[in-house]
Amino acid sequence: MTFSLVARCATTGMTGIVISSSSPAVAARCAHVRAGVGAVASQNVTDPALGPLVLDRMAAGEGAARAVAAVIDGRAHARFRQILAVDARGGTAIHTGAGVLGLWGQAEGRDCAAGGNLLADPGVPAAMVAAFAAAGGPFGDRLIAALRAGRDAGGEAGPVHSAGLRIAHRLDWPWADLRCDWLDEGCPIEAVARAWAVYAPQAEDYVRRALDPAAAPSYGVPGDE
């Protein structure tokens, strides 16, 4: 039902995730990021609690592999879960349980990991990892390239209806959090890509507004968001 990639930017220290699914609002349940800590996807038969649990362990100093293993070890229903994680040092981990749905795949690369279930082709995650590695430009551009590559390699077995991009950087709240929660027609991945193209040039302005409003650029009515 889902394909995703978690990644770290070795240059900026950003961590992020891109994800798409036939289910509604996939990013709301499955995408988890924390500045200076990492990114986690908790997917398949989703338990949204698992993402924060993995992030908590990584925040306490555990690498991605140990954090995922500790959260999964002995946990009820672990065989239904698929979890991807990247930590602040670029370490990665994947858990794919024996009860994950349909054709599934997983792949790890430098500073990134990808996985999916109910896929049209088990090679989808490897295509995402390769695209992330090959893409240039800002971190968000590389994430979008990976998501498009997953779609172009076959994506999910059925049509996707939702997608999201989430990036953490320096702050307690996400630096970017862009979602398309449902489309009956059209491509939610392209909807998120268009939103990123609009948001990216303004992202740091919104950070400045939060940290130092007096020095931030003004758009429209003073104080208008």
N, C-alpha and C. Protein backbone atom coordinates (compact mmCIF):
# COMPACT_ATOMS: atom_id res chain seq x y z
N MET A 1 0.80 -1.21 0.00
CA MET A 1 0.00 0.00 0.00
C MET A 1 0.84 1.27 0.00
N THR A 2 2.18 1.13 0.13
CA THR A 2 2.99 2.32 0.38
C THR A 2 4.40 2.12 -0.16
N PHE A 3 5.02 3.19 -0.64
CA PHE A 3 6.46 3.18 -0.88
C PHE A 3 7.04 4.49 -0.38
N SER A 4 8.25 4.42 0.19
CA SER A 4 8.82 5.58 0.85
C SER A 4 10.34 5.51 0.85
N LEU A 5 10.94 6.66 1.15
CA LEU A 5 12.39 6.76 1.33
C LEU A 5 12.66 7.70 2.48
N VAL A 6 13.54 7.28 3.39
CA VAL A 6 14.05 8.15 4.46
C VAL A 6 15.50 8.46 4.14
N ALA A 7 15.93 9.69 4.49
CA ALA A 7 17.28 10.08 4.07
C ALA A 7 17.82 11.18 4.97
N ARG A 8 19.15 11.31 4.91
CA ARG A 8 19.88 12.40 5.56
C ARG A 8 20.68 13.15 4.51
N CYS A 9 20.78 14.47 4.68
CA CYS A 9 21.66 15.27 3.84
C CYS A 9 22.99 15.45 4.56
N ALA A 10 24.04 14.89 3.99
CA ALA A 10 25.35 14.95 4.64
C ALA A 10 25.90 16.38 4.69
N THR A 11 25.43 17.25 3.81
CA THR A 11 25.92 18.63 3.76
C THR A 11 25.25 19.52 4.81
N THR A 12 23.93 19.43 4.91
CA THR A 12 23.19 20.34 5.79
C THR A 12 22.80 19.72 7.13
N GLY A 13 22.83 18.39 7.22
CA GLY A 13 22.34 17.72 8.41
C GLY A 13 20.84 17.54 8.44
N MET A 14 20.14 17.98 7.40
CA MET A 14 18.70 17.74 7.33
C MET A 14 18.40 16.25 7.29
N THR A 15 17.25 15.87 7.82
CA THR A 15 16.73 14.52 7.63
C THR A 15 15.32 14.64 7.09
N GLY A 16 14.89 13.65 6.30
CA GLY A 16 13.59 13.77 5.69
C GLY A 16 13.04 12.47 5.15
N ILE A 17 11.83 12.56 4.67
CA ILE A 17 11.12 11.41 4.14
C ILE A 17 10.21 11.86 3.01
N VAL A 18 10.07 10.99 2.01
CA VAL A 18 9.01 11.10 1.01
C VAL A 18 8.25 9.78 0.99
N ILE A 19 6.95 9.87 0.72
CA ILE A 19 6.09 8.69 0.85
C ILE A 19 4.87 8.85 -0.03
N SER A 20 4.34 7.73 -0.54
CA SER A 20 3.10 7.76 -1.32
C SER A 20 2.35 6.45 -1.12
N SER A 21 1.01 6.52 -1.28
CA SER A 21 0.18 5.36 -0.98
C SER A 21 -1.17 5.48 -1.67
N SER A 22 -1.85 4.33 -1.78
CA SER A 22 -3.24 4.32 -2.22
C SER A 22 -4.18 4.74 -1.09
N SER A 23 -3.70 4.71 0.14
CA SER A 23 -4.50 5.10 1.30
C SER A 23 -4.52 6.62 1.46
N PRO A 24 -5.54 7.16 2.10
CA PRO A 24 -5.57 8.61 2.31
C PRO A 24 -4.59 9.06 3.38
N ALA A 25 -4.08 10.27 3.23
CA ALA A 25 -3.29 10.96 4.26
C ALA A 25 -2.14 10.10 4.78
N VAL A 26 -1.41 9.46 3.88
CA VAL A 26 -0.36 8.53 4.33
C VAL A 26 0.71 9.22 5.14
N ALA A 27 1.08 10.44 4.78
CA ALA A 27 2.16 11.13 5.51
C ALA A 27 1.75 11.49 6.92
N ALA A 28 0.45 11.68 7.16
CA ALA A 28 -0.03 12.03 8.49
C ALA A 28 0.21 10.90 9.48
N ARG A 29 0.18 9.66 9.01
CA ARG A 29 0.32 8.50 9.90
C ARG A 29 1.71 7.87 9.88
N CYS A 30 2.40 7.98 8.76
CA CYS A 30 3.58 7.14 8.53
C CYS A 30 4.90 7.89 8.53
N ALA A 31 4.90 9.20 8.41
CA ALA A 31 6.14 9.97 8.24
C ALA A 31 6.52 10.68 9.53
N HIS A 32 7.75 10.42 10.01
CA HIS A 32 8.20 10.97 11.28
C HIS A 32 9.63 11.51 11.12
N VAL A 33 9.85 12.76 11.52
CA VAL A 33 11.17 13.37 11.44
C VAL A 33 11.46 14.14 12.73
N ARG A 34 12.74 14.27 13.05
CA ARG A 34 13.13 15.06 14.21
C ARG A 34 14.51 15.65 13.94
N ALA A 35 14.62 16.96 14.09
CA ALA A 35 15.87 17.65 13.79
C ALA A 35 17.01 17.12 14.65
N GLY A 36 18.15 16.86 14.02
CA GLY A 36 19.32 16.38 14.71
C GLY A 36 19.24 14.94 15.14
N VAL A 37 18.17 14.25 14.79
CA VAL A 37 17.94 12.87 15.23
C VAL A 37 17.80 11.91 14.05
N GLY A 38 16.84 12.17 13.16
CA GLY A 38 16.67 11.26 12.03
C GLY A 38 15.28 11.33 11.44
N ALA A 39 14.96 10.31 10.65
CA ALA A 39 13.66 10.18 10.01
C ALA A 39 13.25 8.72 10.04
N VAL A 40 11.96 8.49 10.19
CA VAL A 40 11.42 7.13 10.29
C VAL A 40 10.13 7.04 9.49
N ALA A 41 9.98 5.95 8.74
CA ALA A 41 8.70 5.60 8.13
C ALA A 41 8.17 4.37 8.84
N SER A 42 6.95 4.44 9.33
CA SER A 42 6.27 3.30 9.94
C SER A 42 5.06 2.99 9.08
N GLN A 43 5.12 1.90 8.32
CA GLN A 43 4.13 1.67 7.26
C GLN A 43 3.66 0.22 7.21
N ASN A 44 2.97 -0.12 6.14
CA ASN A 44 2.23 -1.35 5.92
C ASN A 44 0.96 -1.31 6.78
N VAL A 45 0.72 -2.25 7.67
CA VAL A 45 -0.40 -2.13 8.61
C VAL A 45 0.09 -1.19 9.71
N THR A 46 -0.22 0.09 9.56
CA THR A 46 0.53 1.14 10.24
C THR A 46 0.23 1.22 11.73
N ASP A 47 1.29 1.35 12.52
CA ASP A 47 1.18 1.77 13.91
C ASP A 47 1.94 3.09 14.04
N PRO A 48 1.24 4.24 14.04
CA PRO A 48 1.93 5.52 14.08
C PRO A 48 2.79 5.73 15.32
N ALA A 49 2.57 4.95 16.38
CA ALA A 49 3.36 5.12 17.60
C ALA A 49 4.81 4.68 17.41
N LEU A 50 5.08 3.82 16.43
CA LEU A 50 6.42 3.25 16.30
C LEU A 50 7.45 4.28 15.84
N GLY A 51 7.05 5.22 14.99
CA GLY A 51 7.99 6.23 14.52
C GLY A 51 8.59 7.05 15.66
N PRO A 52 7.76 7.65 16.53
CA PRO A 52 8.32 8.39 17.66
C PRO A 52 9.15 7.53 18.61
N LEU A 53 8.78 6.26 18.78
CA LEU A 53 9.56 5.38 19.65
C LEU A 53 10.97 5.19 19.10
N VAL A 54 11.09 4.99 17.79
CA VAL A 54 12.42 4.84 17.18
C VAL A 54 13.19 6.15 17.29
N LEU A 55 12.54 7.27 17.03
CA LEU A 55 13.21 8.57 17.14
C LEU A 55 13.68 8.83 18.57
N ASP A 56 12.89 8.46 19.56
CA ASP A 56 13.30 8.64 20.95
C ASP A 56 14.59 7.89 21.25
N ARG A 57 14.70 6.67 20.76
CA ARG A 57 15.89 5.88 21.02
C ARG A 57 17.10 6.45 20.29
N MET A 58 16.90 6.93 19.07
CA MET A 58 18.00 7.56 18.35
C MET A 58 18.42 8.86 19.03
N ALA A 59 17.45 9.61 19.57
CA ALA A 59 17.78 10.84 20.29
C ALA A 59 18.60 10.55 21.54
N ALA A 60 18.42 9.36 22.09
CA ALA A 60 19.17 8.96 23.28
C ALA A 60 20.56 8.42 22.93
N GLY A 61 20.89 8.36 21.64
CA GLY A 61 22.23 7.98 21.24
C GLY A 61 22.35 6.68 20.47
N GLU A 62 21.26 5.93 20.34
CA GLU A 62 21.34 4.69 19.58
C GLU A 62 21.34 4.96 18.08
N GLY A 63 22.07 4.15 17.32
CA GLY A 63 22.01 4.23 15.88
C GLY A 63 20.71 3.65 15.36
N ALA A 64 20.45 3.87 14.08
CA ALA A 64 19.19 3.43 13.48
C ALA A 64 18.97 1.94 13.66
N ALA A 65 19.98 1.13 13.41
CA ALA A 65 19.82 -0.32 13.47
C ALA A 65 19.43 -0.79 14.87
N ARG A 66 20.13 -0.28 15.87
CA ARG A 66 19.82 -0.69 17.24
C ARG A 66 18.45 -0.16 17.68
N ALA A 67 18.12 1.04 17.28
CA ALA A 67 16.84 1.62 17.68
C ALA A 67 15.67 0.84 17.10
N VAL A 68 15.73 0.52 15.81
CA VAL A 68 14.65 -0.25 15.19
C VAL A 68 14.55 -1.63 15.82
N ALA A 69 15.68 -2.30 16.01
CA ALA A 69 15.67 -3.63 16.59
C ALA A 69 15.06 -3.62 17.99
N ALA A 70 15.39 -2.59 18.78
CA ALA A 70 14.88 -2.53 20.15
C ALA A 70 13.38 -2.29 20.18
N VAL A 71 12.88 -1.46 19.28
CA VAL A 71 11.45 -1.17 19.24
C VAL A 71 10.66 -2.38 18.76
N ILE A 72 11.20 -3.12 17.82
CA ILE A 72 10.49 -4.27 17.26
C ILE A 72 10.58 -5.50 18.17
N ASP A 73 11.68 -5.66 18.87
CA ASP A 73 11.92 -6.86 19.66
C ASP A 73 10.80 -7.12 20.67
N GLY A 74 10.13 -8.25 20.50
CA GLY A 74 9.08 -8.66 21.42
C GLY A 74 7.77 -7.90 21.28
N ARG A 75 7.67 -6.99 20.32
CA ARG A 75 6.46 -6.18 20.20
C ARG A 75 5.36 -6.96 19.49
N ALA A 76 4.16 -6.86 20.04
CA ALA A 76 3.00 -7.52 19.42
C ALA A 76 2.79 -6.99 18.01
N HIS A 77 2.45 -7.89 17.11
CA HIS A 77 2.10 -7.58 15.73
C HIS A 77 3.28 -7.08 14.89
N ALA A 78 4.51 -7.31 15.36
CA ALA A 78 5.67 -6.83 14.61
C ALA A 78 5.73 -7.41 13.21
N ARG A 79 5.16 -8.59 13.00
CA ARG A 79 5.24 -9.21 11.67
C ARG A 79 4.44 -8.45 10.62
N PHE A 80 3.54 -7.58 11.06
CA PHE A 80 2.75 -6.79 10.12
C PHE A 80 3.40 -5.45 9.76
N ARG A 81 4.49 -5.10 10.43
CA ARG A 81 5.04 -3.76 10.29
C ARG A 81 6.22 -3.71 9.32
N GLN A 82 6.33 -2.58 8.64
CA GLN A 82 7.52 -2.26 7.87
C GLN A 82 8.02 -0.90 8.37
N ILE A 83 9.27 -0.87 8.84
CA ILE A 83 9.85 0.34 9.43
C ILE A 83 11.17 0.64 8.76
N LEU A 84 11.35 1.88 8.34
CA LEU A 84 12.60 2.36 7.76
C LEU A 84 13.11 3.49 8.63
N ALA A 85 14.41 3.54 8.85
CA ALA A 85 14.98 4.60 9.68
C ALA A 85 16.33 5.03 9.15
N VAL A 86 16.62 6.32 9.31
CA VAL A 86 17.95 6.87 9.09
C VAL A 86 18.28 7.75 10.29
N ASP A 87 19.49 7.65 10.79
CA ASP A 87 19.87 8.47 11.94
C ASP A 87 20.69 9.68 11.50
N ALA A 88 21.07 10.51 12.46
CA ALA A 88 21.74 11.78 12.16
C ALA A 88 23.14 11.58 11.60
N ARG A 89 23.69 10.39 11.73
CA ARG A 89 25.01 10.08 11.16
C ARG A 89 24.91 9.39 9.80
N GLY A 90 23.70 9.16 9.34
CA GLY A 90 23.49 8.50 8.05
C GLY A 90 23.34 7.00 8.14
N GLY A 91 23.36 6.44 9.36
CA GLY A 91 23.11 5.01 9.52
C GLY A 91 21.67 4.68 9.20
N THR A 92 21.43 3.51 8.64
CA THR A 92 20.09 3.13 8.21
C THR A 92 19.70 1.77 8.76
N ALA A 93 18.40 1.52 8.77
CA ALA A 93 17.86 0.23 9.20
C ALA A 93 16.50 0.03 8.59
N ILE A 94 16.16 -1.23 8.33
CA ILE A 94 14.84 -1.59 7.80
C ILE A 94 14.36 -2.84 8.52
N HIS A 95 13.11 -2.83 8.94
CA HIS A 95 12.42 -4.04 9.40
C HIS A 95 11.24 -4.28 8.49
N THR A 96 11.19 -5.44 7.87
CA THR A 96 10.04 -5.86 7.07
C THR A 96 9.55 -7.17 7.64
N GLY A 97 8.38 -7.15 8.27
CA GLY A 97 7.86 -8.34 8.92
C GLY A 97 7.33 -9.37 7.93
N ALA A 98 7.21 -10.60 8.40
CA ALA A 98 6.77 -11.70 7.54
C ALA A 98 5.33 -11.53 7.07
N GLY A 99 4.55 -10.70 7.76
CA GLY A 99 3.16 -10.50 7.37
C GLY A 99 2.91 -9.27 6.53
N VAL A 100 3.98 -8.66 6.01
CA VAL A 100 3.82 -7.47 5.16
C VAL A 100 3.09 -7.86 3.87
N LEU A 101 2.25 -6.98 3.39
CA LEU A 101 1.31 -7.29 2.32
C LEU A 101 1.96 -7.33 0.94
N GLY A 102 1.53 -8.30 0.14
CA GLY A 102 1.84 -8.34 -1.28
C GLY A 102 3.32 -8.41 -1.61
N LEU A 103 3.65 -7.99 -2.83
CA LEU A 103 5.05 -7.87 -3.21
C LEU A 103 5.68 -6.73 -2.41
N TRP A 104 6.81 -6.99 -1.81
CA TRP A 104 7.48 -5.94 -1.05
C TRP A 104 8.94 -5.88 -1.47
N GLY A 105 9.57 -4.79 -1.13
CA GLY A 105 10.99 -4.63 -1.42
C GLY A 105 11.60 -3.66 -0.44
N GLN A 106 12.91 -3.69 -0.36
CA GLN A 106 13.64 -2.77 0.49
C GLN A 106 15.04 -2.59 -0.06
N ALA A 107 15.64 -1.44 0.23
CA ALA A 107 16.99 -1.15 -0.26
C ALA A 107 17.60 -0.09 0.64
N GLU A 108 18.91 -0.19 0.83
CA GLU A 108 19.65 0.79 1.61
C GLU A 108 20.79 1.34 0.76
N GLY A 109 21.06 2.62 0.95
CA GLY A 109 22.16 3.27 0.25
C GLY A 109 22.86 4.22 1.18
N ARG A 110 23.76 5.00 0.65
CA ARG A 110 24.46 5.98 1.47
C ARG A 110 23.48 7.04 1.95
N ASP A 111 23.33 7.15 3.26
CA ASP A 111 22.46 8.14 3.89
C ASP A 111 20.98 7.95 3.58
N CYS A 112 20.55 6.78 3.14
CA CYS A 112 19.13 6.62 2.81
C CYS A 112 18.70 5.15 2.85
N ALA A 113 17.41 4.96 3.01
CA ALA A 113 16.80 3.64 2.95
C ALA A 113 15.41 3.78 2.35
N ALA A 114 14.99 2.80 1.58
CA ALA A 114 13.68 2.83 0.94
C ALA A 114 13.01 1.48 1.10
N GLY A 115 11.68 1.50 1.11
CA GLY A 115 10.93 0.25 1.23
C GLY A 115 9.51 0.45 0.76
N GLY A 116 8.86 -0.67 0.49
CA GLY A 116 7.47 -0.60 0.07
C GLY A 116 6.79 -1.94 0.17
N ASN A 117 5.48 -1.90 0.09
CA ASN A 117 4.65 -3.11 0.16
C ASN A 117 3.49 -2.98 -0.81
N LEU A 118 2.92 -4.09 -1.19
CA LEU A 118 1.92 -4.14 -2.26
C LEU A 118 2.42 -3.40 -3.49
N LEU A 119 3.66 -3.68 -3.86
CA LEU A 119 4.30 -3.01 -4.97
C LEU A 119 3.98 -3.68 -6.30
N ALA A 120 4.08 -2.89 -7.37
CA ALA A 120 3.98 -3.47 -8.71
C ALA A 120 5.24 -4.21 -9.09
N ASP A 121 6.38 -3.82 -8.47
CA ASP A 121 7.67 -4.43 -8.76
C ASP A 121 8.53 -4.32 -7.50
N PRO A 122 9.15 -5.43 -7.07
CA PRO A 122 9.95 -5.36 -5.85
C PRO A 122 11.20 -4.50 -5.99
N GLY A 123 11.54 -4.08 -7.21
CA GLY A 123 12.70 -3.23 -7.43
C GLY A 123 12.44 -1.75 -7.21
N VAL A 124 11.23 -1.38 -6.83
CA VAL A 124 10.89 0.03 -6.62
C VAL A 124 11.82 0.69 -5.60
N PRO A 125 12.05 0.10 -4.42
CA PRO A 125 12.93 0.77 -3.45
C PRO A 125 14.35 0.98 -3.97
N ALA A 126 14.89 0.01 -4.70
CA ALA A 126 16.24 0.18 -5.24
C ALA A 126 16.29 1.34 -6.23
N ALA A 127 15.22 1.52 -7.01
CA ALA A 127 15.16 2.64 -7.94
C ALA A 127 15.13 3.97 -7.19
N MET A 128 14.46 4.01 -6.05
CA MET A 128 14.40 5.23 -5.25
C MET A 128 15.76 5.57 -4.67
N VAL A 129 16.45 4.57 -4.15
CA VAL A 129 17.79 4.79 -3.59
C VAL A 129 18.74 5.29 -4.67
N ALA A 130 18.67 4.68 -5.86
CA ALA A 130 19.55 5.09 -6.95
C ALA A 130 19.26 6.52 -7.38
N ALA A 131 18.00 6.90 -7.43
CA ALA A 131 17.64 8.26 -7.85
C ALA A 131 18.09 9.28 -6.82
N PHE A 132 17.95 8.96 -5.55
CA PHE A 132 18.40 9.88 -4.50
C PHE A 132 19.91 10.10 -4.61
N ALA A 133 20.65 9.03 -4.86
CA ALA A 133 22.11 9.13 -4.97
C ALA A 133 22.52 9.93 -6.19
N ALA A 134 21.77 9.80 -7.29
CA ALA A 134 22.16 10.43 -8.55
C ALA A 134 21.72 11.88 -8.66
N ALA A 135 20.68 12.27 -7.92
CA ALA A 135 20.12 13.60 -8.08
C ALA A 135 21.04 14.66 -7.48
N GLY A 136 21.03 15.82 -8.08
CA GLY A 136 21.76 16.96 -7.54
C GLY A 136 20.80 17.98 -6.94
N GLY A 137 21.36 19.07 -6.47
CA GLY A 137 20.54 20.15 -5.96
C GLY A 137 20.20 20.01 -4.50
N PRO A 138 19.25 20.81 -4.02
CA PRO A 138 18.86 20.80 -2.62
C PRO A 138 18.31 19.45 -2.18
N PHE A 139 18.35 19.23 -0.88
CA PHE A 139 17.90 17.96 -0.31
C PHE A 139 16.46 17.63 -0.72
N GLY A 140 15.57 18.60 -0.65
CA GLY A 140 14.19 18.35 -1.04
C GLY A 140 14.05 17.94 -2.49
N ASP A 141 14.86 18.51 -3.37
CA ASP A 141 14.83 18.10 -4.78
C ASP A 141 15.23 16.64 -4.92
N ARG A 142 16.21 16.22 -4.15
CA ARG A 142 16.66 14.83 -4.20
C ARG A 142 15.58 13.88 -3.68
N LEU A 143 14.87 14.31 -2.64
CA LEU A 143 13.76 13.49 -2.13
C LEU A 143 12.66 13.35 -3.18
N ILE A 144 12.30 14.45 -3.83
CA ILE A 144 11.27 14.39 -4.87
C ILE A 144 11.72 13.50 -6.02
N ALA A 145 12.99 13.58 -6.39
CA ALA A 145 13.51 12.71 -7.46
C ALA A 145 13.36 11.25 -7.08
N ALA A 146 13.61 10.92 -5.83
CA ALA A 146 13.47 9.54 -5.37
C ALA A 146 12.02 9.08 -5.43
N LEU A 147 11.09 9.95 -5.01
CA LEU A 147 9.68 9.57 -5.03
C LEU A 147 9.18 9.36 -6.45
N ARG A 148 9.57 10.25 -7.35
CA ARG A 148 9.19 10.08 -8.75
C ARG A 148 9.78 8.79 -9.33
N ALA A 149 11.01 8.49 -8.95
CA ALA A 149 11.64 7.26 -9.46
C ALA A 149 10.91 6.03 -8.98
N GLY A 150 10.44 6.04 -7.74
CA GLY A 150 9.65 4.92 -7.25
C GLY A 150 8.37 4.74 -8.05
N ARG A 151 7.70 5.84 -8.33
CA ARG A 151 6.50 5.78 -9.17
C ARG A 151 6.83 5.25 -10.56
N ASP A 152 7.89 5.78 -11.16
CA ASP A 152 8.23 5.40 -12.53
C ASP A 152 8.72 3.96 -12.64
N ALA A 153 9.22 3.40 -11.54
CA ALA A 153 9.65 1.99 -11.54
C ALA A 153 8.48 1.03 -11.33
N GLY A 154 7.29 1.57 -11.18
CA GLY A 154 6.10 0.73 -11.02
C GLY A 154 5.24 1.15 -9.85
N GLY A 155 5.90 1.69 -8.81
CA GLY A 155 5.14 2.17 -7.66
C GLY A 155 4.30 1.08 -7.02
N GLU A 156 3.18 1.48 -6.51
CA GLU A 156 2.25 0.54 -5.89
C GLU A 156 1.50 -0.24 -6.97
N ALA A 157 0.96 -1.40 -6.58
CA ALA A 157 0.25 -2.23 -7.54
C ALA A 157 -1.00 -1.54 -8.07
N GLY A 158 -1.62 -0.70 -7.27
CA GLY A 158 -2.79 0.06 -7.70
C GLY A 158 -2.49 1.54 -7.74
N PRO A 159 -3.48 2.36 -8.07
CA PRO A 159 -3.25 3.81 -8.15
C PRO A 159 -2.97 4.41 -6.78
N VAL A 160 -2.07 5.38 -6.73
CA VAL A 160 -1.80 6.09 -5.49
C VAL A 160 -2.72 7.31 -5.40
N HIS A 161 -3.10 7.65 -4.17
CA HIS A 161 -4.01 8.76 -3.94
C HIS A 161 -3.46 9.82 -2.99
N SER A 162 -2.38 9.50 -2.27
CA SER A 162 -1.83 10.49 -1.34
C SER A 162 -0.31 10.41 -1.37
N ALA A 163 0.32 11.50 -0.92
CA ALA A 163 1.79 11.56 -0.90
C ALA A 163 2.20 12.65 0.06
N GLY A 164 3.47 12.62 0.44
CA GLY A 164 3.97 13.66 1.34
C GLY A 164 5.48 13.76 1.33
N LEU A 165 5.95 14.92 1.76
CA LEU A 165 7.37 15.21 1.96
C LEU A 165 7.50 15.91 3.30
N ARG A 166 8.42 15.44 4.12
CA ARG A 166 8.64 16.06 5.43
C ARG A 166 10.14 16.14 5.67
N ILE A 167 10.62 17.33 6.08
CA ILE A 167 12.05 17.56 6.33
C ILE A 167 12.20 18.22 7.69
N ALA A 168 13.18 17.75 8.46
CA ALA A 168 13.53 18.37 9.74
C ALA A 168 14.90 19.02 9.63
N HIS A 169 15.03 20.20 10.28
CA HIS A 169 16.30 20.92 10.23
C HIS A 169 16.36 21.95 11.34
N ARG A 170 17.18 21.72 12.35
CA ARG A 170 17.53 22.67 13.40
C ARG A 170 16.45 22.93 14.43
N LEU A 171 15.18 22.83 14.06
CA LEU A 171 14.09 23.30 14.89
C LEU A 171 13.22 22.15 15.39
N ASP A 172 12.39 22.45 16.40
CA ASP A 172 11.50 21.44 16.95
C ASP A 172 10.37 21.08 16.00
N TRP A 173 10.03 21.98 15.11
CA TRP A 173 8.96 21.72 14.15
C TRP A 173 9.56 21.46 12.77
N PRO A 174 8.84 20.76 11.89
CA PRO A 174 9.40 20.43 10.58
C PRO A 174 9.74 21.67 9.76
N TRP A 175 10.89 21.63 9.13
CA TRP A 175 11.33 22.70 8.24
C TRP A 175 10.44 22.76 7.00
N ALA A 176 10.00 21.59 6.54
CA ALA A 176 9.03 21.49 5.45
C ALA A 176 8.10 20.32 5.74
N ASP A 177 6.81 20.52 5.52
CA ASP A 177 5.82 19.47 5.78
C ASP A 177 4.71 19.64 4.75
N LEU A 178 4.84 18.96 3.62
CA LEU A 178 3.96 19.16 2.47
C LEU A 178 3.23 17.86 2.17
N ARG A 179 1.92 17.96 2.00
CA ARG A 179 1.12 16.75 1.82
C ARG A 179 0.02 16.95 0.78
N CYS A 180 -0.27 15.90 0.08
CA CYS A 180 -1.52 15.78 -0.68
C CYS A 180 -2.25 14.59 -0.07
N ASP A 181 -3.33 14.84 0.65
CA ASP A 181 -3.96 13.77 1.42
C ASP A 181 -4.92 12.91 0.61
N TRP A 182 -5.41 13.42 -0.54
CA TRP A 182 -6.27 12.59 -1.38
C TRP A 182 -6.49 13.25 -2.73
N LEU A 183 -6.31 12.48 -3.79
CA LEU A 183 -6.70 12.87 -5.14
C LEU A 183 -7.44 11.70 -5.78
N ASP A 184 -8.63 11.96 -6.29
CA ASP A 184 -9.33 10.92 -7.06
C ASP A 184 -8.69 10.77 -8.44
N GLU A 185 -8.28 11.89 -9.01
CA GLU A 185 -7.67 11.89 -10.33
C GLU A 185 -6.37 12.71 -10.27
N GLY A 186 -5.45 12.39 -11.17
CA GLY A 186 -4.17 13.07 -11.15
C GLY A 186 -3.19 12.35 -10.23
N CYS A 187 -2.02 12.93 -10.09
CA CYS A 187 -0.92 12.28 -9.37
C CYS A 187 -0.60 13.06 -8.10
N PRO A 188 -0.80 12.47 -6.93
CA PRO A 188 -0.47 13.18 -5.69
C PRO A 188 1.02 13.47 -5.56
N ILE A 189 1.85 12.64 -6.17
CA ILE A 189 3.29 12.88 -6.12
C ILE A 189 3.62 14.20 -6.83
N GLU A 190 2.99 14.43 -7.97
CA GLU A 190 3.22 15.68 -8.68
C GLU A 190 2.62 16.87 -7.93
N ALA A 191 1.53 16.65 -7.22
CA ALA A 191 0.96 17.72 -6.41
C ALA A 191 1.94 18.15 -5.32
N VAL A 192 2.58 17.17 -4.68
CA VAL A 192 3.58 17.48 -3.65
C VAL A 192 4.81 18.13 -4.28
N ALA A 193 5.21 17.65 -5.45
CA ALA A 193 6.35 18.25 -6.14
C ALA A 193 6.09 19.71 -6.48
N ARG A 194 4.88 20.03 -6.91
CA ARG A 194 4.53 21.43 -7.21
C ARG A 194 4.55 22.26 -5.94
N ALA A 195 4.02 21.71 -4.86
CA ALA A 195 4.03 22.43 -3.59
C ALA A 195 5.46 22.69 -3.12
N TRP A 196 6.34 21.70 -3.31
CA TRP A 196 7.75 21.89 -2.94
C TRP A 196 8.39 23.00 -3.77
N ALA A 197 8.10 23.03 -5.06
CA ALA A 197 8.69 24.06 -5.93
C ALA A 197 8.28 25.46 -5.48
N VAL A 198 7.06 25.59 -4.96
CA VAL A 198 6.60 26.89 -4.46
C VAL A 198 7.19 27.19 -3.08
N TYR A 199 7.24 26.18 -2.23
CA TYR A 199 7.62 26.39 -0.83
C TYR A 199 9.13 26.56 -0.64
N ALA A 200 9.90 25.80 -1.40
CA ALA A 200 11.35 25.76 -1.17
C ALA A 200 12.01 27.13 -1.14
N PRO A 201 11.71 28.04 -2.09
CA PRO A 201 12.38 29.35 -2.05
C PRO A 201 12.00 30.20 -0.84
N GLN A 202 10.90 29.85 -0.16
CA GLN A 202 10.42 30.65 0.97
C GLN A 202 10.69 29.99 2.32
N ALA A 203 11.21 28.77 2.32
CA ALA A 203 11.30 28.00 3.55
C ALA A 203 12.11 28.73 4.63
N GLU A 204 13.25 29.27 4.27
CA GLU A 204 14.07 29.96 5.27
C GLU A 204 13.43 31.26 5.74
N ASP A 205 12.61 31.88 4.90
CA ASP A 205 11.90 33.07 5.35
C ASP A 205 10.93 32.74 6.48
N TYR A 206 10.27 31.59 6.40
CA TYR A 206 9.36 31.19 7.47
C TYR A 206 10.13 30.86 8.75
N VAL A 207 11.34 30.34 8.62
CA VAL A 207 12.17 30.12 9.80
C VAL A 207 12.51 31.47 10.44
N ARG A 208 12.93 32.44 9.62
CA ARG A 208 13.27 33.76 10.16
C ARG A 208 12.06 34.42 10.82
N ARG A 209 10.88 34.24 10.24
CA ARG A 209 9.66 34.78 10.85
C ARG A 209 9.46 34.22 12.26
N ALA A 210 9.75 32.96 12.41
CA ALA A 210 9.56 32.32 13.71
C ALA A 210 10.60 32.78 14.72
N LEU A 211 11.85 32.92 14.27
CA LEU A 211 12.94 33.20 15.20
C LEU A 211 13.18 34.69 15.43
N ASP A 212 12.96 35.50 14.39
CA ASP A 212 13.23 36.93 14.51
C ASP A 212 12.27 37.69 13.60
N PRO A 213 11.02 37.85 14.01
CA PRO A 213 10.02 38.45 13.13
C PRO A 213 10.40 39.84 12.63
N ALA A 214 11.09 40.62 13.45
CA ALA A 214 11.42 41.97 13.04
C ALA A 214 12.37 42.01 11.86
N ALA A 215 13.19 40.97 11.71
CA ALA A 215 14.16 40.92 10.63
C ALA A 215 13.67 40.12 9.43
N ALA A 216 12.48 39.53 9.54
CA ALA A 216 11.99 38.65 8.48
C ALA A 216 11.35 39.44 7.36
N PRO A 217 11.40 38.92 6.12
CA PRO A 217 10.69 39.56 5.02
C PRO A 217 9.20 39.62 5.29
N SER A 218 8.53 40.64 4.79
CA SER A 218 7.10 40.80 4.98
C SER A 218 6.37 40.45 3.70
N TYR A 219 5.28 39.70 3.86
CA TYR A 219 4.43 39.34 2.73
C TYR A 219 3.03 39.82 3.05
N GLY A 220 2.51 40.78 2.31
CA GLY A 220 1.14 41.22 2.52
C GLY A 220 1.01 41.95 3.86
N VAL A 221 -0.07 41.64 4.56
CA VAL A 221 -0.38 42.29 5.83
C VAL A 221 0.66 41.88 6.86
N PRO A 222 1.21 42.84 7.64
CA PRO A 222 2.17 42.47 8.68
C PRO A 222 1.61 41.40 9.60
N GLY A 223 2.39 40.36 9.81
CA GLY A 223 1.94 39.25 10.64
C GLY A 223 1.18 38.19 9.89
N ASP A 224 0.82 38.46 8.64
CA ASP A 224 0.07 37.49 7.84
C ASP A 224 0.95 36.29 7.52
N GLU A 225 0.42 35.09 7.71
CA GLU A 225 1.15 33.88 7.38
C GLU A 225 0.81 33.38 5.99
